Amino acid sequence: MALQGILVVELAGLAPGPFCAMVLADFGARVVRVERPGSHYDVSRLGRGKRSLALDLKQPRGAAVLRRLCARSDVLLEPFRSGVMEKLQLGPEILQRDNPRLIYARLTGFGQSGSFSRLAGHDINYLALSGVLSKIGRNGENPYAPLNLLADFAGGGLMCVLGIMMALFERTRSGKGQVIDANMVEGTAYLSSFLWKTQKSSLWEAPRGQNILDGGAPFYTTYRTADGEFMAVGAVEPQFYELLIKGLGELTLLKMQQEAVSCQARQTLLSVKRPSLQPKSWGTVWL
């Protein structure tokens, strides 16, 4: 395993932190999760491959145990708002003085500086501030958040994993740890680089819900099937669009793909009737 021999201390938090530590554990790291006294389990259900202990970091004895643990660890993962660890006398200046090789990973919603750094938030708030939320949703409807996968787990947890891995690699050359400021707003904005770089192209130039990849095209969207379930259709390239239209028996639509982000093409596809085709056989149309 790539991370065998790496010791990670995870301070208990919700969703992004446990996921980040679980990924490290999945690749061989030894992860010790530090719970608050009275905690019974990880509500995120992301404790695979970890050990745990309970410490009251507000008490001198609990803080001392954490310091001793971090003195022989490679990574500390902490999810608290800016200033919390410093108030506990457990900030990076202190812990890295004890262990200069320690990688101190801070995973928060808004980062360690700025007017939002001491505020609480959730996935939907981070999505909104990153700008990505404004691009998600149907035309004429409110923007909607895609579960909490994008900001919490991708922009937060997984981007923090990447930061930790790069810090571990850099440490092989310098011998020194560093502080990682991973936050969900900036992480989500970074993940959406493609969206912002191409927003003036034909991919995203129309309002939300009217573009090729956001539900505006009838050849890249979902349809309800006869059994009440749904089917995803993705036929962007001309050769795949041709297969789609031939499968439906609507050859008159072959010349309409460039204009297919139109109500006419969408309504034509929706009106296609195939009463002899059972729902489980729909794959024969597209594949």
Protein backbone atom coordinates (compact mmCIF):
# COMPACT_ATOMS: atom_id res chain seq x y z
CA MET A 1 0.00 0.00 0.00
CA ALA A 2 1.33 3.40 -1.00
CA LEU A 3 0.82 5.04 2.41
CA GLN A 4 1.98 2.16 4.58
CA GLY A 5 3.86 3.53 7.59
CA ILE A 6 2.14 6.94 7.49
CA LEU A 7 0.34 7.85 10.73
CA VAL A 8 -2.62 10.24 10.46
CA VAL A 9 -4.45 11.87 13.37
CA GLU A 10 -8.00 12.87 12.43
CA LEU A 11 -9.87 15.25 14.73
CA ALA A 12 -13.55 14.30 14.63
CA GLY A 13 -15.75 16.25 12.27
CA LEU A 14 -18.52 15.72 9.75
CA ALA A 15 -18.42 14.40 6.18
CA PRO A 16 -15.36 16.01 4.46
CA GLY A 17 -12.81 15.26 7.20
CA PRO A 18 -13.86 11.64 7.80
CA PHE A 19 -13.91 11.04 4.03
CA CYS A 20 -10.44 12.53 3.60
CA ALA A 21 -9.04 10.34 6.38
CA MET A 22 -10.86 7.26 5.05
CA VAL A 23 -9.23 7.69 1.64
CA LEU A 24 -5.81 7.87 3.31
CA ALA A 25 -6.65 4.74 5.32
CA ASP A 26 -7.81 2.94 2.16
CA PHE A 27 -4.34 3.45 0.71
CA GLY A 28 -2.49 2.11 3.72
CA ALA A 29 -2.18 4.93 6.25
CA ARG A 30 -2.78 4.24 9.94
CA VAL A 31 -5.54 6.62 10.99
CA VAL A 32 -6.41 7.47 14.59
CA ARG A 33 -9.66 9.38 14.94
CA VAL A 34 -9.86 11.61 18.02
CA GLU A 35 -13.46 11.81 19.24
CA ARG A 36 -15.04 14.17 21.72
CA PRO A 37 -15.89 12.60 25.08
CA GLY A 38 -19.41 11.21 24.97
CA SER A 39 -19.37 10.55 21.24
CA HIS A 40 -20.72 7.10 20.44
CA TYR A 41 -19.94 6.74 16.72
CA ASP A 42 -19.05 8.55 13.53
CA VAL A 43 -22.38 9.79 12.15
CA SER A 44 -20.78 10.06 8.70
CA ARG A 45 -20.28 6.27 8.63
CA LEU A 46 -16.81 6.83 7.17
CA GLY A 47 -14.73 5.13 9.82
CA ARG A 48 -13.44 2.28 7.68
CA GLY A 49 -9.86 1.32 8.52
CA LYS A 50 -9.54 3.65 11.51
CA ARG A 51 -8.93 3.37 15.22
CA SER A 52 -10.32 5.91 17.66
CA LEU A 53 -9.92 7.37 21.11
CA ALA A 54 -11.74 10.06 23.06
CA LEU A 55 -9.96 13.20 24.26
CA ASP A 56 -11.25 16.41 25.79
CA LEU A 57 -9.00 18.93 24.10
CA LYS A 58 -10.29 21.72 26.33
CA GLN A 59 -8.63 20.04 29.29
CA PRO A 60 -4.82 20.23 29.76
CA ARG A 61 -4.51 16.45 30.02
CA GLY A 62 -6.39 15.88 26.75
CA ALA A 63 -4.38 18.54 24.92
CA ALA A 64 -1.15 17.01 26.22
CA VAL A 65 -2.10 13.57 24.91
CA LEU A 66 -2.80 15.04 21.47
CA ARG A 67 0.57 16.83 21.47
CA ARG A 68 2.37 13.59 22.28
CA LEU A 69 0.44 11.78 19.56
CA CYS A 70 1.21 14.45 16.95
CA ALA A 71 4.88 14.45 17.94
CA ARG A 72 5.22 11.02 16.30
CA SER A 73 2.63 11.43 13.53
CA ASP A 74 2.95 12.41 9.90
CA VAL A 75 -0.38 14.19 9.36
CA LEU A 76 -2.88 16.03 11.56
CA LEU A 77 -6.28 16.60 9.98
CA GLU A 78 -8.41 19.21 11.74
CA PRO A 79 -11.84 20.51 10.66
CA PHE A 80 -12.43 23.46 12.99
CA ARG A 81 -13.07 27.08 12.14
CA SER A 82 -10.17 29.51 12.11
CA GLY A 83 -8.69 30.23 15.54
CA VAL A 84 -10.16 27.24 17.41
CA MET A 85 -6.94 25.20 17.55
CA GLU A 86 -4.88 28.26 18.44
CA LYS A 87 -7.22 28.93 21.37
CA LEU A 88 -6.57 25.38 22.56
CA GLN A 89 -2.81 25.95 22.26
CA LEU A 90 -2.71 23.28 19.54
CA GLY A 91 -2.05 25.43 16.49
CA PRO A 92 0.56 24.58 13.84
CA GLU A 93 3.21 26.81 15.42
CA ILE A 94 3.17 24.67 18.56
CA LEU A 95 2.68 21.22 17.06
CA GLN A 96 5.25 21.73 14.30
CA ARG A 97 7.74 22.96 16.86
CA ASP A 98 7.33 19.58 18.54
CA ASN A 99 7.46 17.78 15.19
CA PRO A 100 8.87 19.77 12.23
CA ARG A 101 7.92 16.95 9.84
CA LEU A 102 4.22 17.18 10.73
CA ILE A 103 1.83 18.03 7.91
CA TYR A 104 -0.91 20.11 9.49
CA ALA A 105 -4.00 19.86 7.23
CA ARG A 106 -6.81 22.30 7.92
CA LEU A 107 -10.10 21.44 6.20
CA THR A 108 -12.79 24.09 6.53
CA GLY A 109 -15.61 25.69 4.60
CA PHE A 110 -14.19 29.17 4.08
CA GLY A 111 -10.46 28.92 4.81
CA GLN A 112 -8.27 30.46 7.51
CA SER A 113 -8.55 34.11 6.49
CA GLY A 114 -11.19 36.53 5.27
CA SER A 115 -14.52 37.75 6.62
CA PHE A 116 -16.16 34.31 6.43
CA SER A 117 -13.37 32.31 8.08
CA ARG A 118 -15.01 32.21 11.51
CA LEU A 119 -18.53 31.48 10.24
CA ALA A 120 -20.31 28.16 10.05
CA GLY A 121 -21.70 26.85 6.77
CA HIS A 122 -22.91 23.88 4.81
CA ASP A 123 -22.32 22.40 1.37
CA ILE A 124 -25.00 24.58 -0.25
CA ASN A 125 -23.40 27.76 1.13
CA TYR A 126 -19.95 26.78 -0.17
CA LEU A 127 -21.46 25.95 -3.58
CA ALA A 128 -23.14 29.33 -3.72
CA LEU A 129 -20.01 31.30 -2.86
CA SER A 130 -17.92 29.30 -5.34
CA GLY A 131 -20.31 30.35 -8.12
CA VAL A 132 -21.02 26.78 -9.16
CA LEU A 133 -24.54 26.69 -7.69
CA SER A 134 -25.66 29.37 -10.17
CA LYS A 135 -24.96 26.93 -13.01
CA ILE A 136 -26.91 23.93 -11.69
CA GLY A 137 -30.63 23.54 -12.34
CA ARG A 138 -33.34 23.53 -14.98
CA ASN A 139 -34.28 26.56 -17.02
CA GLY A 140 -36.80 28.71 -15.19
CA GLU A 141 -36.27 26.92 -11.87
CA ASN A 142 -34.22 27.77 -8.79
CA PRO A 143 -30.63 26.50 -8.73
CA TYR A 144 -30.32 23.27 -6.76
CA ALA A 145 -27.46 21.56 -4.96
CA PRO A 146 -26.43 18.06 -6.20
CA LEU A 147 -26.66 16.33 -2.80
CA ASN A 148 -23.56 17.30 -0.80
CA LEU A 149 -21.08 15.53 -3.03
CA LEU A 150 -19.59 18.49 -4.87
CA ALA A 151 -18.48 20.88 -2.10
CA ASP A 152 -18.18 18.62 0.94
CA PHE A 153 -16.62 15.53 -0.57
CA ALA A 154 -14.97 16.67 -3.82
CA GLY A 155 -14.02 20.31 -3.20
CA GLY A 156 -13.31 19.59 0.46
CA GLY A 157 -12.34 16.03 1.33
CA LEU A 158 -10.77 14.89 -1.92
CA MET A 159 -8.91 18.15 -2.58
CA CYS A 160 -7.51 17.93 0.95
CA VAL A 161 -6.28 14.40 0.19
CA LEU A 162 -4.47 15.82 -2.83
CA GLY A 163 -2.88 18.54 -0.70
CA ILE A 164 -1.72 16.01 1.87
CA MET A 165 -0.23 13.75 -0.79
CA MET A 166 1.68 16.63 -2.37
CA ALA A 167 2.95 17.71 1.05
CA LEU A 168 4.12 14.17 1.78
CA PHE A 169 5.95 14.11 -1.54
CA GLU A 170 7.57 17.50 -0.94
CA ARG A 171 8.67 16.34 2.50
CA THR A 172 10.78 13.61 0.90
CA ARG A 173 12.96 16.41 -0.48
CA SER A 174 12.86 19.06 2.26
CA GLY A 175 12.34 16.87 5.31
CA LYS A 176 9.85 19.43 6.60
CA GLY A 177 6.10 19.44 7.08
CA GLN A 178 3.80 22.28 6.09
CA VAL A 179 0.37 23.75 6.76
CA ILE A 180 -2.40 22.95 4.27
CA ASP A 181 -5.34 25.36 4.07
CA ALA A 182 -7.98 23.31 2.23
CA ASN A 183 -11.43 24.84 2.07
CA MET A 184 -14.59 23.89 0.27
CA VAL A 185 -15.31 27.20 -1.44
CA GLU A 186 -11.93 27.43 -3.16
CA GLY A 187 -11.78 23.66 -3.74
CA THR A 188 -15.15 23.68 -5.52
CA ALA A 189 -14.19 26.73 -7.59
CA TYR A 190 -10.98 24.96 -8.60
CA LEU A 191 -12.86 21.81 -9.61
CA SER A 192 -15.07 23.94 -11.84
CA SER A 193 -12.14 25.44 -13.78
CA PHE A 194 -13.45 23.84 -16.99
CA LEU A 195 -16.82 25.51 -16.46
CA TRP A 196 -15.35 29.00 -16.11
CA LYS A 197 -12.74 28.57 -18.85
CA THR A 198 -15.41 27.55 -21.38
CA GLN A 199 -18.32 29.75 -20.30
CA LYS A 200 -18.03 31.95 -23.40
CA SER A 201 -18.01 28.93 -25.71
CA SER A 202 -21.04 27.18 -27.15
CA LEU A 203 -21.10 24.88 -24.12
CA TRP A 204 -22.34 27.41 -21.55
CA GLU A 205 -23.15 30.67 -23.32
CA ALA A 206 -26.93 30.33 -22.84
CA PRO A 207 -28.66 30.82 -19.47
CA ARG A 208 -28.73 27.98 -16.92
CA GLY A 209 -30.56 24.89 -18.14
CA GLN A 210 -30.41 25.88 -21.81
CA ASN A 211 -26.97 24.54 -22.71
CA ILE A 212 -25.83 21.23 -24.15
CA LEU A 213 -24.49 19.70 -20.92
CA ASP A 214 -26.90 21.13 -18.34
CA GLY A 215 -30.16 19.64 -19.55
CA GLY A 216 -30.90 22.03 -22.38
CA ALA A 217 -30.28 19.50 -25.17
CA PRO A 218 -32.76 16.64 -25.79
CA PHE A 219 -29.84 14.34 -26.66
CA TYR A 220 -28.13 14.87 -23.27
CA THR A 221 -30.76 14.60 -20.57
CA THR A 222 -33.06 12.18 -18.77
CA TYR A 223 -36.45 10.78 -19.78
CA ARG A 224 -39.15 8.98 -17.85
CA THR A 225 -39.74 5.44 -19.07
CA ALA A 226 -43.01 3.50 -19.25
CA ASP A 227 -42.29 1.68 -15.98
CA GLY A 228 -42.03 4.97 -14.07
CA GLU A 229 -38.25 4.92 -13.85
CA PHE A 230 -35.79 7.16 -15.70
CA MET A 231 -33.21 6.75 -18.42
CA ALA A 232 -30.14 8.91 -19.08
CA VAL A 233 -29.37 9.76 -22.71
CA GLY A 234 -25.95 11.09 -23.70
CA ALA A 235 -25.46 11.37 -27.48
CA VAL A 236 -23.36 14.50 -27.95
CA GLU A 237 -21.09 13.42 -30.79
CA PRO A 238 -22.78 13.38 -34.24
CA GLN A 239 -22.21 9.65 -34.77
CA PHE A 240 -23.91 8.82 -31.47
CA TYR A 241 -26.75 11.25 -32.15
CA GLU A 242 -27.29 9.49 -35.47
CA LEU A 243 -27.52 6.12 -33.69
CA LEU A 244 -30.02 7.59 -31.23
CA ILE A 245 -32.29 8.94 -33.96
CA LYS A 246 -32.06 5.78 -36.04
CA GLY A 247 -32.90 3.70 -32.98
CA LEU A 248 -36.01 5.78 -32.43
CA GLY A 249 -36.95 5.62 -36.10
CA GLU A 250 -37.03 9.42 -36.40
CA LEU A 251 -34.68 9.98 -39.33
CA THR A 252 -36.15 13.43 -39.97
CA LEU A 253 -34.28 14.63 -36.88
CA LEU A 254 -30.86 13.77 -38.30
CA LYS A 255 -30.27 17.30 -39.56
CA MET A 256 -31.51 18.96 -36.39
CA GLN A 257 -28.70 18.33 -33.90
CA GLN A 258 -27.21 21.81 -34.18
CA GLU A 259 -30.67 23.19 -33.44
CA ALA A 260 -31.63 20.42 -31.06
CA VAL A 261 -31.44 22.63 -27.98
CA SER A 262 -34.83 23.79 -29.17
CA CYS A 263 -38.34 23.06 -28.03
CA GLN A 264 -39.17 21.49 -31.41
CA ALA A 265 -36.53 18.78 -31.17
CA ARG A 266 -37.22 18.12 -27.49
CA GLN A 267 -40.96 17.77 -28.06
CA THR A 268 -40.36 15.51 -31.05
CA LEU A 269 -38.19 13.17 -28.97
CA LEU A 270 -40.69 13.20 -26.13
CA SER A 271 -43.52 12.32 -28.48
CA VAL A 272 -41.82 9.22 -29.88
CA LYS A 273 -44.05 6.20 -29.19
CA ARG A 274 -42.72 2.66 -29.03
CA PRO A 275 -45.57 0.63 -27.48
CA SER A 276 -44.01 -2.72 -28.41
CA LEU A 277 -40.74 -1.96 -26.66
CA GLN A 278 -40.61 -3.13 -23.03
CA PRO A 279 -38.82 -0.85 -20.53
CA LYS A 280 -36.00 -3.34 -19.95
CA SER A 281 -35.31 -3.37 -23.69
CA TRP A 282 -34.68 0.36 -24.00
CA GLY A 283 -30.94 -0.29 -24.06
CA THR A 284 -31.33 -1.88 -27.50
CA VAL A 285 -32.23 1.55 -28.88
CA TRP A 286 -29.06 3.26 -27.73
CA LEU A 287 -26.43 0.53 -27.51
